């Protein structure tokens, strides 16, 4: 029997980008630590993706106090 996998999702990114350039794009980024952002246009979605990626580097759930970087 395999050991249970203790990993779980901490951050999520949901993007809606319809194929038509005139259709509105949107995105939502959220984290269990309380970080939550939304974007509602094609210019804001890439910025939100960058913020979501940057949050991983500073999220207290990803880097608990006292842990050492690899």
Protein backbone atom coordinates (compact mmCIF):
# COMPACT_ATOMS: atom_id res chain seq x y z
CA UNK A 1 0.00 0.00 0.00
CA UNK A 2 1.34 3.43 -0.93
CA UNK A 3 1.77 6.13 1.69
CA UNK A 4 -0.75 8.96 1.42
CA UNK A 5 0.45 12.03 -0.44
CA UNK A 6 0.73 14.88 2.07
CA UNK A 7 1.01 17.58 -0.60
CA UNK A 8 -1.91 19.94 -1.05
CA UNK A 9 -2.59 23.01 -3.16
CA UNK A 10 -1.87 26.34 -1.49
CA UNK A 11 -2.24 28.80 -4.39
CA UNK A 12 -4.65 28.81 -7.31
CA UNK A 13 -4.81 30.76 -10.56
CA UNK A 14 -7.96 30.68 -12.71
CA UNK A 15 -7.85 32.38 -16.13
CA UNK A 16 -10.71 32.85 -18.59
CA UNK A 17 -9.48 34.00 -22.01
CA UNK A 18 -12.04 33.63 -24.78
CA UNK A 19 -10.59 33.28 -28.29
CA UNK A 20 -12.14 36.52 -29.55
CA UNK A 21 -9.94 39.60 -28.89
CA UNK A 22 -13.07 41.64 -28.20
CA UNK A 23 -14.35 39.23 -25.54
CA UNK A 24 -13.43 40.15 -21.96
CA UNK A 25 -10.68 38.15 -20.30
CA UNK A 26 -10.56 37.67 -16.55
CA UNK A 27 -8.42 35.99 -13.95
CA UNK A 28 -8.42 35.28 -10.24
CA UNK A 29 -5.48 34.42 -8.03
CA UNK A 30 -5.91 33.29 -4.46
CA UNK A 31 -3.91 31.65 -1.72
CA UNK A 32 -4.69 30.00 1.59
CA UNK A 33 -2.67 32.75 3.35
CA UNK A 34 -5.30 35.34 2.38
CA UNK A 35 -3.74 36.74 -0.81
CA UNK A 36 -6.49 37.33 -3.36
CA UNK A 37 -6.47 39.41 -6.56
CA UNK A 38 -8.64 39.67 -9.67
CA UNK A 39 -8.19 41.12 -13.15
CA UNK A 40 -10.94 41.87 -15.65
CA UNK A 41 -9.25 42.84 -18.91
CA UNK A 42 -6.59 41.57 -21.29
CA UNK A 43 -4.01 44.07 -20.00
CA UNK A 44 -4.59 43.17 -16.36
CA UNK A 45 -4.46 39.38 -16.72
CA UNK A 46 -0.70 39.21 -17.52
CA UNK A 47 -0.02 41.51 -14.56
CA UNK A 48 -2.07 39.24 -12.32
CA UNK A 49 -0.15 36.20 -13.54
CA UNK A 50 3.11 37.98 -12.63
CA UNK A 51 1.73 38.89 -9.18
CA UNK A 52 0.61 35.30 -8.62
CA UNK A 53 4.09 34.02 -9.52
CA UNK A 54 5.80 36.64 -7.35
CA UNK A 55 3.56 35.80 -4.39
CA UNK A 56 4.97 32.26 -4.31
CA UNK A 57 8.37 33.70 -3.38
CA UNK A 58 7.03 35.60 -0.36
CA UNK A 59 4.06 33.50 0.77
CA UNK A 60 4.35 32.57 4.45
CA UNK A 61 2.79 29.17 3.70
CA UNK A 62 5.49 28.33 1.17
CA UNK A 63 8.30 29.46 3.44
CA UNK A 64 7.41 28.83 7.07
CA UNK A 65 9.47 30.79 9.57
CA UNK A 66 12.61 28.95 10.45
CA UNK A 67 12.87 26.95 7.26
CA UNK A 68 16.01 27.22 5.18
CA UNK A 69 16.17 27.76 1.43
CA UNK A 70 17.54 24.85 -0.57
